[in-house]
Amino acid sequence: MSSKPRVPNSIPPTTQTPIVRLPLVPTPEANIRGSIPIIIVIEVIRIGRRRTLALRSAALLTAYNNAATDSIKVDLQSGLLEVMSRGRQVPGGACGYMGACGAAISTGIFMSVVTRNTPLSTETWQLCNLMTARTLEQVALNGGPRCCMRDSYLSILTAIDFVKEHLGVEMEKPEVKCSRSRINNQCIGKKCPFSPVKDN
């Protein structure tokens, strides 16, 4: 895209379900002041909030808001509630049963809230679907079986690059090494791009 889309002033709530207050809001325990969405996800999971599908959208939204200029920030509280509400509509196992990984869908949810996208939008409609498509491609190229953590990392890293390219907001992008392979019986080991063990 040659120009950045115009961002409206309000977040249109989803019409399928009402916004439900859930326990993912900024807390002192989590690193929610920074602009590193992967660290935010890890921290929130560490303190026991395990609604992982919506966590990705919420982490991206928080990091985006912390990195964005005041003129393009969203209201974080209402934005977090909205991504949680939308994330609850994505069923578990969507990656296998629907061919659309929830981690990738979560990046589209994040982008739709940030850009205030609706089904009747034009430029932002394209942008949100492109965000999801690009993330789905990265998830698919790394193969199965599913790993929610691997797909979370891939989705967030893809979203960081996409947001920088299309919205001009630069979130921090650290090197990622997985420390959770021992608790996933389907871990693909060294084939995983985030495996701490590399082939010699």
N, C-alpha and C. Protein backbone atom coordinates (compact mmCIF):
# COMPACT_ATOMS: atom_id res chain seq x y z
N MET A 1 0.84 -1.20 0.00
CA MET A 1 0.00 0.00 0.00
C MET A 1 0.88 1.25 0.00
N SER A 2 0.48 2.21 -0.77
CA SER A 2 1.30 3.40 -0.89
C SER A 2 1.05 4.38 0.23
N SER A 3 -0.13 4.38 0.81
CA SER A 3 -0.45 5.31 1.88
C SER A 3 -1.10 4.57 3.03
N LYS A 4 -0.96 5.14 4.22
CA LYS A 4 -1.52 4.51 5.41
C LYS A 4 -3.01 4.84 5.51
N PRO A 5 -3.82 3.85 5.93
CA PRO A 5 -5.27 4.07 5.96
C PRO A 5 -5.68 5.09 7.01
N ARG A 6 -6.74 5.78 6.72
CA ARG A 6 -7.30 6.72 7.68
C ARG A 6 -7.91 5.94 8.83
N VAL A 7 -7.62 6.36 10.06
CA VAL A 7 -8.13 5.67 11.23
C VAL A 7 -9.26 6.47 11.85
N PRO A 8 -10.47 5.89 11.95
CA PRO A 8 -11.60 6.59 12.57
C PRO A 8 -11.36 6.82 14.06
N ASN A 9 -12.32 7.47 14.70
CA ASN A 9 -12.14 7.88 16.08
C ASN A 9 -12.69 6.93 17.12
N SER A 10 -13.51 5.96 16.74
CA SER A 10 -14.11 5.09 17.74
C SER A 10 -14.01 3.64 17.31
N ILE A 11 -14.02 2.74 18.29
CA ILE A 11 -13.94 1.31 18.03
C ILE A 11 -15.34 0.74 17.90
N PRO A 12 -15.69 0.21 16.72
CA PRO A 12 -17.02 -0.39 16.58
C PRO A 12 -17.07 -1.74 17.28
N PRO A 13 -17.93 -1.92 18.25
CA PRO A 13 -17.99 -3.21 18.94
C PRO A 13 -18.54 -4.30 18.04
N THR A 14 -18.16 -5.54 18.33
CA THR A 14 -18.70 -6.66 17.58
C THR A 14 -20.19 -6.78 17.82
N THR A 15 -20.91 -7.29 16.82
CA THR A 15 -22.36 -7.40 16.97
C THR A 15 -22.80 -8.81 17.35
N GLN A 16 -21.88 -9.79 17.28
CA GLN A 16 -22.27 -11.16 17.56
C GLN A 16 -22.49 -11.41 19.05
N THR A 17 -21.61 -10.90 19.89
CA THR A 17 -21.76 -11.09 21.32
C THR A 17 -21.47 -9.78 22.02
N PRO A 18 -22.05 -9.56 23.18
CA PRO A 18 -21.76 -8.34 23.91
C PRO A 18 -20.34 -8.36 24.47
N ILE A 19 -19.81 -7.18 24.73
CA ILE A 19 -18.51 -7.11 25.38
C ILE A 19 -18.65 -7.64 26.80
N VAL A 20 -17.78 -8.57 27.16
CA VAL A 20 -17.82 -9.18 28.48
C VAL A 20 -16.55 -8.81 29.23
N ARG A 21 -16.69 -8.36 30.44
CA ARG A 21 -15.51 -8.00 31.23
C ARG A 21 -14.79 -9.28 31.67
N LEU A 22 -13.55 -9.43 31.22
CA LEU A 22 -12.73 -10.59 31.53
C LEU A 22 -11.48 -10.14 32.27
N PRO A 23 -10.80 -11.07 32.93
CA PRO A 23 -9.71 -10.66 33.81
C PRO A 23 -8.40 -10.33 33.12
N LEU A 24 -8.44 -9.93 31.84
CA LEU A 24 -7.21 -9.48 31.20
C LEU A 24 -7.27 -7.96 31.06
N VAL A 25 -6.75 -7.30 32.05
CA VAL A 25 -6.59 -5.85 32.02
C VAL A 25 -5.20 -5.56 32.54
N PRO A 26 -4.65 -4.39 32.23
CA PRO A 26 -3.30 -4.11 32.71
C PRO A 26 -3.17 -4.29 34.21
N THR A 27 -2.14 -5.01 34.62
CA THR A 27 -1.90 -5.26 36.04
C THR A 27 -0.46 -4.92 36.37
N PRO A 28 -0.17 -4.58 37.63
CA PRO A 28 1.20 -4.24 38.01
C PRO A 28 2.17 -5.40 37.82
N GLU A 29 1.65 -6.65 37.87
CA GLU A 29 2.56 -7.79 37.80
C GLU A 29 3.15 -7.98 36.40
N ALA A 30 2.41 -7.60 35.37
CA ALA A 30 2.85 -7.86 34.01
C ALA A 30 3.62 -6.67 33.45
N ASN A 31 4.48 -6.96 32.48
CA ASN A 31 5.25 -5.92 31.82
C ASN A 31 4.39 -5.25 30.77
N ILE A 32 3.44 -4.43 31.21
CA ILE A 32 2.48 -3.87 30.27
C ILE A 32 2.84 -2.43 29.89
N ARG A 33 3.96 -1.92 30.37
CA ARG A 33 4.35 -0.57 29.99
C ARG A 33 5.25 -0.56 28.75
N GLY A 34 5.80 -1.70 28.40
CA GLY A 34 6.71 -1.78 27.28
C GLY A 34 6.00 -1.98 25.96
N SER A 35 6.79 -2.11 24.90
CA SER A 35 6.23 -2.31 23.57
C SER A 35 6.74 -3.62 22.98
N ILE A 36 6.87 -4.65 23.84
CA ILE A 36 7.32 -5.97 23.41
C ILE A 36 6.17 -6.94 23.61
N PRO A 37 5.35 -7.18 22.59
CA PRO A 37 4.15 -8.01 22.79
C PRO A 37 4.44 -9.43 23.23
N ILE A 38 5.56 -10.01 22.80
CA ILE A 38 5.88 -11.38 23.21
C ILE A 38 6.13 -11.44 24.70
N ILE A 39 6.84 -10.46 25.24
CA ILE A 39 7.10 -10.42 26.68
C ILE A 39 5.79 -10.25 27.44
N ILE A 40 4.88 -9.44 26.93
CA ILE A 40 3.59 -9.24 27.59
C ILE A 40 2.83 -10.55 27.64
N VAL A 41 2.80 -11.31 26.54
CA VAL A 41 2.12 -12.61 26.54
C VAL A 41 2.72 -13.54 27.57
N ILE A 42 4.04 -13.66 27.59
CA ILE A 42 4.71 -14.56 28.53
C ILE A 42 4.43 -14.15 29.97
N GLU A 43 4.47 -12.86 30.24
CA GLU A 43 4.25 -12.39 31.60
C GLU A 43 2.82 -12.66 32.06
N VAL A 44 1.85 -12.42 31.19
CA VAL A 44 0.46 -12.61 31.59
C VAL A 44 0.17 -14.10 31.78
N ILE A 45 0.74 -14.96 30.93
CA ILE A 45 0.60 -16.40 31.14
C ILE A 45 1.26 -16.81 32.45
N ARG A 46 2.41 -16.23 32.75
CA ARG A 46 3.14 -16.60 33.96
C ARG A 46 2.33 -16.30 35.22
N ILE A 47 1.57 -15.21 35.22
CA ILE A 47 0.82 -14.86 36.43
C ILE A 47 -0.57 -15.49 36.42
N GLY A 48 -0.81 -16.42 35.47
CA GLY A 48 -1.98 -17.27 35.59
C GLY A 48 -3.17 -16.92 34.74
N ARG A 49 -3.05 -15.99 33.81
CA ARG A 49 -4.17 -15.65 32.94
C ARG A 49 -3.97 -16.37 31.61
N ARG A 50 -4.67 -17.47 31.42
CA ARG A 50 -4.36 -18.39 30.33
C ARG A 50 -5.37 -18.41 29.19
N ARG A 51 -6.07 -17.34 28.97
CA ARG A 51 -6.96 -17.27 27.81
C ARG A 51 -6.09 -16.91 26.59
N THR A 52 -5.33 -17.89 26.13
CA THR A 52 -4.21 -17.59 25.25
C THR A 52 -4.61 -17.02 23.90
N LEU A 53 -5.74 -17.42 23.33
CA LEU A 53 -6.10 -16.89 22.03
C LEU A 53 -6.25 -15.38 22.09
N ALA A 54 -7.02 -14.90 23.02
CA ALA A 54 -7.23 -13.46 23.14
C ALA A 54 -6.00 -12.75 23.68
N LEU A 55 -5.12 -13.48 24.37
CA LEU A 55 -3.91 -12.86 24.91
C LEU A 55 -3.05 -12.26 23.81
N ARG A 56 -3.00 -12.94 22.67
CA ARG A 56 -2.14 -12.44 21.58
C ARG A 56 -2.65 -11.08 21.10
N SER A 57 -3.96 -10.98 20.87
CA SER A 57 -4.53 -9.70 20.45
C SER A 57 -4.30 -8.63 21.51
N ALA A 58 -4.52 -9.01 22.76
CA ALA A 58 -4.38 -8.05 23.86
C ALA A 58 -2.95 -7.59 24.03
N ALA A 59 -1.99 -8.52 23.89
CA ALA A 59 -0.58 -8.16 24.01
C ALA A 59 -0.17 -7.22 22.88
N LEU A 60 -0.60 -7.54 21.67
CA LEU A 60 -0.29 -6.66 20.53
C LEU A 60 -0.92 -5.29 20.71
N LEU A 61 -2.15 -5.26 21.17
CA LEU A 61 -2.84 -3.98 21.37
C LEU A 61 -2.13 -3.14 22.43
N THR A 62 -1.72 -3.77 23.52
CA THR A 62 -1.03 -3.04 24.59
C THR A 62 0.31 -2.50 24.10
N ALA A 63 1.08 -3.36 23.42
CA ALA A 63 2.38 -2.93 22.92
C ALA A 63 2.24 -1.84 21.86
N TYR A 64 1.25 -2.00 20.99
CA TYR A 64 0.98 -0.97 19.97
C TYR A 64 0.70 0.37 20.62
N ASN A 65 -0.18 0.36 21.60
CA ASN A 65 -0.55 1.61 22.25
C ASN A 65 0.64 2.26 22.94
N ASN A 66 1.51 1.44 23.51
CA ASN A 66 2.69 1.98 24.18
C ASN A 66 3.71 2.55 23.21
N ALA A 67 3.70 2.04 21.97
CA ALA A 67 4.67 2.51 20.97
C ALA A 67 4.12 3.62 20.09
N ALA A 68 2.80 3.76 20.02
CA ALA A 68 2.16 4.70 19.09
C ALA A 68 2.19 6.12 19.63
N THR A 69 2.09 7.08 18.71
CA THR A 69 1.94 8.47 19.11
C THR A 69 0.52 8.69 19.62
N ASP A 70 0.33 9.75 20.37
CA ASP A 70 -0.98 10.01 20.98
C ASP A 70 -2.10 10.11 19.95
N SER A 71 -1.79 10.61 18.77
CA SER A 71 -2.83 10.84 17.76
C SER A 71 -3.44 9.55 17.21
N ILE A 72 -2.73 8.41 17.34
CA ILE A 72 -3.25 7.16 16.79
C ILE A 72 -3.46 6.08 17.86
N LYS A 73 -3.32 6.43 19.11
CA LYS A 73 -3.60 5.46 20.18
C LYS A 73 -5.08 5.13 20.20
N VAL A 74 -5.41 3.96 20.75
CA VAL A 74 -6.80 3.61 21.01
C VAL A 74 -7.03 3.66 22.51
N ASP A 75 -8.29 3.70 22.90
CA ASP A 75 -8.59 3.60 24.33
C ASP A 75 -8.28 2.17 24.76
N LEU A 76 -7.27 2.00 25.60
CA LEU A 76 -6.77 0.67 25.89
C LEU A 76 -7.78 -0.19 26.63
N GLN A 77 -8.48 0.38 27.59
CA GLN A 77 -9.43 -0.41 28.35
C GLN A 77 -10.55 -0.97 27.46
N SER A 78 -11.17 -0.12 26.68
CA SER A 78 -12.24 -0.59 25.82
C SER A 78 -11.69 -1.49 24.72
N GLY A 79 -10.49 -1.20 24.25
CA GLY A 79 -9.88 -2.04 23.23
C GLY A 79 -9.59 -3.44 23.73
N LEU A 80 -9.08 -3.56 24.95
CA LEU A 80 -8.81 -4.87 25.54
C LEU A 80 -10.09 -5.67 25.72
N LEU A 81 -11.12 -5.01 26.19
CA LEU A 81 -12.40 -5.70 26.36
C LEU A 81 -12.95 -6.18 25.02
N GLU A 82 -12.75 -5.38 23.99
CA GLU A 82 -13.26 -5.75 22.67
C GLU A 82 -12.50 -6.92 22.07
N VAL A 83 -11.15 -6.94 22.17
CA VAL A 83 -10.41 -8.08 21.61
C VAL A 83 -10.72 -9.35 22.38
N MET A 84 -10.95 -9.23 23.68
CA MET A 84 -11.32 -10.41 24.46
C MET A 84 -12.68 -10.94 24.02
N SER A 85 -13.62 -10.03 23.79
CA SER A 85 -14.95 -10.44 23.35
C SER A 85 -14.90 -11.14 22.00
N ARG A 86 -14.16 -10.56 21.07
CA ARG A 86 -14.06 -11.16 19.74
C ARG A 86 -13.28 -12.48 19.79
N GLY A 87 -12.24 -12.52 20.60
CA GLY A 87 -11.43 -13.73 20.70
C GLY A 87 -12.21 -14.92 21.23
N ARG A 88 -13.18 -14.66 22.08
CA ARG A 88 -14.00 -15.74 22.64
C ARG A 88 -14.84 -16.44 21.57
N GLN A 89 -15.03 -15.80 20.43
CA GLN A 89 -15.85 -16.39 19.38
C GLN A 89 -15.07 -17.41 18.54
N VAL A 90 -13.76 -17.45 18.68
CA VAL A 90 -12.93 -18.38 17.90
C VAL A 90 -12.81 -19.68 18.69
N PRO A 91 -13.29 -20.80 18.15
CA PRO A 91 -13.28 -22.05 18.91
C PRO A 91 -11.89 -22.67 18.99
N GLY A 92 -11.66 -23.42 20.03
CA GLY A 92 -10.43 -24.17 20.13
C GLY A 92 -10.32 -25.19 19.01
N GLY A 93 -9.12 -25.45 18.55
CA GLY A 93 -8.92 -26.42 17.48
C GLY A 93 -9.26 -25.90 16.11
N ALA A 94 -9.47 -24.58 15.96
CA ALA A 94 -9.80 -24.02 14.66
C ALA A 94 -8.71 -24.29 13.63
N CYS A 95 -7.47 -24.40 14.10
CA CYS A 95 -6.36 -24.66 13.17
C CYS A 95 -6.55 -25.97 12.43
N GLY A 96 -7.04 -26.99 13.14
CA GLY A 96 -7.22 -28.29 12.53
C GLY A 96 -8.58 -28.50 11.91
N TYR A 97 -9.63 -27.98 12.55
CA TYR A 97 -10.99 -28.24 12.10
C TYR A 97 -11.50 -27.23 11.09
N MET A 98 -10.88 -26.04 11.05
CA MET A 98 -11.35 -24.99 10.14
C MET A 98 -10.26 -24.51 9.19
N GLY A 99 -9.04 -24.95 9.40
CA GLY A 99 -7.95 -24.50 8.54
C GLY A 99 -7.55 -23.06 8.75
N ALA A 100 -7.81 -22.55 9.95
CA ALA A 100 -7.46 -21.16 10.27
C ALA A 100 -7.01 -21.10 11.72
N CYS A 101 -5.72 -20.99 11.93
CA CYS A 101 -5.16 -20.98 13.28
C CYS A 101 -5.66 -19.77 14.08
N GLY A 102 -6.06 -20.03 15.31
CA GLY A 102 -6.55 -18.95 16.16
C GLY A 102 -5.51 -17.87 16.42
N ALA A 103 -4.24 -18.24 16.44
CA ALA A 103 -3.17 -17.25 16.63
C ALA A 103 -3.16 -16.25 15.49
N ALA A 104 -3.34 -16.75 14.27
CA ALA A 104 -3.38 -15.86 13.11
C ALA A 104 -4.63 -14.99 13.13
N ILE A 105 -5.76 -15.60 13.47
CA ILE A 105 -7.00 -14.83 13.56
C ILE A 105 -6.86 -13.72 14.59
N SER A 106 -6.12 -13.99 15.66
CA SER A 106 -5.97 -12.97 16.71
C SER A 106 -5.25 -11.73 16.20
N THR A 107 -4.35 -11.90 15.23
CA THR A 107 -3.68 -10.71 14.68
C THR A 107 -4.66 -9.88 13.85
N GLY A 108 -5.59 -10.56 13.16
CA GLY A 108 -6.62 -9.84 12.43
C GLY A 108 -7.57 -9.11 13.37
N ILE A 109 -7.87 -9.75 14.52
CA ILE A 109 -8.70 -9.09 15.53
C ILE A 109 -8.00 -7.83 16.05
N PHE A 110 -6.74 -7.97 16.38
CA PHE A 110 -5.94 -6.82 16.83
C PHE A 110 -5.97 -5.70 15.79
N MET A 111 -5.71 -6.05 14.54
CA MET A 111 -5.65 -5.02 13.49
C MET A 111 -7.01 -4.37 13.29
N SER A 112 -8.08 -5.15 13.40
CA SER A 112 -9.41 -4.58 13.20
C SER A 112 -9.78 -3.59 14.30
N VAL A 113 -9.32 -3.85 15.51
CA VAL A 113 -9.58 -2.91 16.62
C VAL A 113 -8.73 -1.66 16.48
N VAL A 114 -7.46 -1.83 16.15
CA VAL A 114 -6.56 -0.69 16.01
C VAL A 114 -7.03 0.25 14.89
N THR A 115 -7.50 -0.32 13.79
CA THR A 115 -7.91 0.51 12.65
C THR A 115 -9.40 0.84 12.67
N ARG A 116 -10.11 0.36 13.69
CA ARG A 116 -11.56 0.58 13.81
C ARG A 116 -12.28 0.05 12.57
N ASN A 117 -11.85 -1.11 12.11
CA ASN A 117 -12.40 -1.69 10.90
C ASN A 117 -13.80 -2.26 11.12
N THR A 118 -14.61 -2.22 10.08
CA THR A 118 -15.94 -2.85 10.08
C THR A 118 -16.09 -3.62 8.78
N PRO A 119 -17.15 -4.45 8.64
CA PRO A 119 -17.37 -5.15 7.37
C PRO A 119 -17.59 -4.22 6.19
N LEU A 120 -17.91 -2.95 6.44
CA LEU A 120 -18.18 -2.01 5.36
C LEU A 120 -17.01 -1.07 5.08
N SER A 121 -15.89 -1.29 5.75
CA SER A 121 -14.72 -0.46 5.52
C SER A 121 -14.08 -0.80 4.17
N THR A 122 -13.16 0.04 3.73
CA THR A 122 -12.50 -0.19 2.45
C THR A 122 -11.03 -0.52 2.64
N GLU A 123 -10.19 0.50 2.85
CA GLU A 123 -8.76 0.25 3.00
C GLU A 123 -8.44 -0.60 4.22
N THR A 124 -9.09 -0.31 5.33
CA THR A 124 -8.79 -1.08 6.54
C THR A 124 -9.31 -2.50 6.46
N TRP A 125 -10.39 -2.71 5.70
CA TRP A 125 -10.90 -4.08 5.47
C TRP A 125 -9.82 -4.90 4.79
N GLN A 126 -9.21 -4.33 3.77
CA GLN A 126 -8.13 -5.02 3.06
C GLN A 126 -6.96 -5.28 4.00
N LEU A 127 -6.62 -4.29 4.78
CA LEU A 127 -5.46 -4.38 5.67
C LEU A 127 -5.64 -5.48 6.70
N CYS A 128 -6.81 -5.57 7.30
CA CYS A 128 -7.06 -6.57 8.34
C CYS A 128 -7.02 -7.99 7.78
N ASN A 129 -7.62 -8.18 6.61
CA ASN A 129 -7.58 -9.50 6.00
C ASN A 129 -6.18 -9.88 5.53
N LEU A 130 -5.43 -8.90 5.06
CA LEU A 130 -4.05 -9.15 4.67
C LEU A 130 -3.19 -9.52 5.87
N MET A 131 -3.47 -8.88 7.00
CA MET A 131 -2.74 -9.21 8.23
C MET A 131 -2.95 -10.67 8.59
N THR A 132 -4.20 -11.11 8.61
CA THR A 132 -4.50 -12.50 8.94
C THR A 132 -3.89 -13.45 7.92
N ALA A 133 -3.99 -13.10 6.64
CA ALA A 133 -3.45 -13.96 5.59
C ALA A 133 -1.94 -14.13 5.71
N ARG A 134 -1.26 -13.05 5.98
CA ARG A 134 0.20 -13.13 6.09
C ARG A 134 0.61 -13.98 7.29
N THR A 135 -0.13 -13.85 8.38
CA THR A 135 0.18 -14.64 9.56
C THR A 135 -0.14 -16.11 9.34
N LEU A 136 -1.28 -16.40 8.72
CA LEU A 136 -1.63 -17.79 8.41
C LEU A 136 -0.56 -18.45 7.55
N GLU A 137 -0.02 -17.71 6.62
CA GLU A 137 1.03 -18.26 5.76
C GLU A 137 2.25 -18.66 6.57
N GLN A 138 2.66 -17.80 7.49
CA GLN A 138 3.83 -18.12 8.31
C GLN A 138 3.58 -19.33 9.21
N VAL A 139 2.40 -19.40 9.78
CA VAL A 139 2.04 -20.55 10.63
C VAL A 139 2.05 -21.83 9.80
N ALA A 140 1.44 -21.77 8.62
CA ALA A 140 1.34 -22.96 7.77
C ALA A 140 2.71 -23.43 7.28
N LEU A 141 3.56 -22.50 6.91
CA LEU A 141 4.87 -22.86 6.38
C LEU A 141 5.74 -23.59 7.40
N ASN A 142 5.46 -23.39 8.67
CA ASN A 142 6.23 -24.08 9.71
C ASN A 142 5.65 -25.44 10.07
N GLY A 143 4.51 -25.78 9.49
CA GLY A 143 3.97 -27.12 9.62
C GLY A 143 3.34 -27.46 10.95
N GLY A 144 2.75 -28.68 10.99
CA GLY A 144 2.09 -29.17 12.20
C GLY A 144 2.92 -30.25 12.84
N PRO A 145 2.41 -30.84 13.91
CA PRO A 145 1.12 -30.55 14.53
C PRO A 145 1.13 -29.20 15.24
N ARG A 146 -0.03 -28.81 15.70
CA ARG A 146 -0.16 -27.50 16.31
C ARG A 146 0.72 -27.34 17.54
N CYS A 147 1.16 -26.13 17.74
CA CYS A 147 1.79 -25.74 19.01
C CYS A 147 1.35 -24.31 19.25
N CYS A 148 0.53 -24.09 20.25
CA CYS A 148 -0.04 -22.76 20.47
C CYS A 148 1.03 -21.72 20.77
N MET A 149 2.11 -22.15 21.42
CA MET A 149 3.17 -21.19 21.74
C MET A 149 3.96 -20.82 20.50
N ARG A 150 4.32 -21.83 19.69
CA ARG A 150 5.05 -21.56 18.45
C ARG A 150 4.22 -20.64 17.54
N ASP A 151 2.93 -20.97 17.41
CA ASP A 151 2.08 -20.18 16.54
C ASP A 151 1.84 -18.78 17.10
N SER A 152 1.85 -18.65 18.42
CA SER A 152 1.75 -17.32 19.03
C SER A 152 2.97 -16.48 18.69
N TYR A 153 4.15 -17.08 18.84
CA TYR A 153 5.38 -16.36 18.50
C TYR A 153 5.39 -15.94 17.04
N LEU A 154 5.07 -16.88 16.15
CA LEU A 154 5.06 -16.58 14.72
C LEU A 154 4.07 -15.46 14.40
N SER A 155 2.90 -15.53 15.00
CA SER A 155 1.85 -14.54 14.73
C SER A 155 2.26 -13.15 15.22
N ILE A 156 2.78 -13.09 16.42
CA ILE A 156 3.16 -11.80 16.98
C ILE A 156 4.32 -11.18 16.20
N LEU A 157 5.33 -11.98 15.86
CA LEU A 157 6.47 -11.45 15.11
C LEU A 157 6.05 -10.97 13.73
N THR A 158 5.14 -11.71 13.09
CA THR A 158 4.62 -11.29 11.80
C THR A 158 3.85 -9.98 11.92
N ALA A 159 3.05 -9.88 12.97
CA ALA A 159 2.26 -8.66 13.19
C ALA A 159 3.15 -7.46 13.45
N ILE A 160 4.24 -7.65 14.18
CA ILE A 160 5.16 -6.54 14.45
C ILE A 160 5.68 -5.95 13.15
N ASP A 161 6.11 -6.83 12.24
CA ASP A 161 6.63 -6.36 10.95
C ASP A 161 5.52 -5.70 10.12
N PHE A 162 4.33 -6.29 10.15
CA PHE A 162 3.21 -5.78 9.36
C PHE A 162 2.79 -4.39 9.83
N VAL A 163 2.70 -4.21 11.12
CA VAL A 163 2.29 -2.92 11.68
C VAL A 163 3.32 -1.84 11.36
N LYS A 164 4.58 -2.19 11.45
CA LYS A 164 5.63 -1.22 11.10
C LYS A 164 5.52 -0.81 9.64
N GLU A 165 5.27 -1.79 8.77
CA GLU A 165 5.19 -1.54 7.33
C GLU A 165 3.97 -0.71 6.96
N HIS A 166 2.82 -1.02 7.54
CA HIS A 166 1.58 -0.42 7.08
C HIS A 166 1.06 0.72 7.95
N LEU A 167 1.39 0.70 9.24
CA LEU A 167 0.89 1.75 10.13
C LEU A 167 1.99 2.66 10.65
N GLY A 168 3.23 2.28 10.42
CA GLY A 168 4.35 3.12 10.84
C GLY A 168 4.61 3.12 12.32
N VAL A 169 4.09 2.12 13.04
CA VAL A 169 4.32 2.00 14.48
C VAL A 169 5.30 0.86 14.71
N GLU A 170 6.37 1.14 15.44
CA GLU A 170 7.43 0.15 15.62
C GLU A 170 7.42 -0.42 17.04
N MET A 171 6.91 -1.63 17.15
CA MET A 171 6.98 -2.36 18.42
C MET A 171 8.32 -3.08 18.50
N GLU A 172 8.76 -3.38 19.69
CA GLU A 172 10.05 -4.05 19.85
C GLU A 172 9.93 -5.52 19.46
N LYS A 173 11.03 -6.03 18.88
CA LYS A 173 11.02 -7.39 18.34
C LYS A 173 12.26 -8.14 18.84
N PRO A 174 12.12 -8.82 19.95
CA PRO A 174 13.28 -9.53 20.50
C PRO A 174 13.51 -10.88 19.82
N GLU A 175 14.68 -11.45 20.03
CA GLU A 175 14.92 -12.82 19.60
C GLU A 175 14.16 -13.75 20.54
N VAL A 176 13.53 -14.77 20.00
CA VAL A 176 12.69 -15.65 20.80
C VAL A 176 13.28 -17.04 20.87
N LYS A 177 13.40 -17.56 22.09
CA LYS A 177 13.79 -18.95 22.32
C LYS A 177 12.74 -19.59 23.21
N CYS A 178 12.21 -20.72 22.77
CA CYS A 178 11.15 -21.38 23.52
C CYS A 178 11.72 -22.14 24.72
N SER A 179 11.01 -22.04 25.83
CA SER A 179 11.41 -22.77 27.05
C SER A 179 10.31 -23.72 27.50
N ARG A 180 9.33 -24.00 26.62
CA ARG A 180 8.17 -24.78 27.04
C ARG A 180 8.03 -26.11 26.30
N SER A 181 9.06 -26.48 25.53
CA SER A 181 8.94 -27.70 24.71
C SER A 181 8.72 -28.95 25.55
N ARG A 182 9.25 -28.97 26.74
CA ARG A 182 9.13 -30.18 27.57
C ARG A 182 7.70 -30.44 28.02
N ILE A 183 6.83 -29.47 27.93
CA ILE A 183 5.44 -29.68 28.36
C ILE A 183 4.51 -29.84 27.17
N ASN A 184 5.07 -29.98 25.97
CA ASN A 184 4.26 -30.20 24.77
C ASN A 184 4.67 -31.52 24.13
N ASN A 185 3.80 -32.52 24.24
CA ASN A 185 4.13 -33.84 23.70
C ASN A 185 4.24 -33.86 22.19
N GLN A 186 3.70 -32.84 21.53
CA GLN A 186 3.76 -32.78 20.07
C GLN A 186 4.84 -31.82 19.56
N CYS A 187 5.73 -31.41 20.43
CA CYS A 187 6.79 -30.47 20.03
C CYS A 187 7.59 -31.05 18.86
N ILE A 188 7.88 -30.22 17.87
CA ILE A 188 8.62 -30.68 16.70
C ILE A 188 10.13 -30.52 16.87
N GLY A 189 10.55 -30.14 18.07
CA GLY A 189 11.96 -30.12 18.41
C GLY A 189 12.78 -29.16 17.58
N LYS A 190 13.87 -29.66 17.02
CA LYS A 190 14.80 -28.81 16.29
C LYS A 190 14.21 -28.19 15.03
N LYS A 191 13.10 -28.74 14.56
CA LYS A 191 12.45 -28.16 13.39
C LYS A 191 11.77 -26.84 13.70
N CYS A 192 11.51 -26.61 14.97
CA CYS A 192 10.84 -25.37 15.39
C CYS A 192 11.80 -24.19 15.26
N PRO A 193 11.37 -23.09 14.68
CA PRO A 193 12.25 -21.94 14.55
C PRO A 193 12.65 -21.30 15.88
N PHE A 194 11.94 -21.69 16.95
CA PHE A 194 12.24 -21.11 18.26
C PHE A 194 12.92 -22.11 19.20
N SER A 195 13.33 -23.24 18.66
CA SER A 195 14.01 -24.24 19.46
C SER A 195 15.35 -23.71 19.94
N PRO A 196 15.64 -23.86 21.24
CA PRO A 196 16.95 -23.41 21.75
C PRO A 196 18.09 -24.33 21.32
N VAL A 197 17.73 -25.51 20.78
CA VAL A 197 18.73 -26.48 20.35
C VAL A 197 18.86 -26.43 18.84
N LYS A 198 20.05 -26.18 18.35
CA LYS A 198 20.29 -26.09 16.91
C LYS A 198 21.14 -27.25 16.44
N ASP A 199 20.92 -27.64 15.17
CA ASP A 199 21.75 -28.68 14.57
C ASP A 199 23.17 -28.18 14.41
N ASN A 200 24.11 -29.08 14.59
CA ASN A 200 25.51 -28.70 14.40
C ASN A 200 25.85 -28.65 12.90
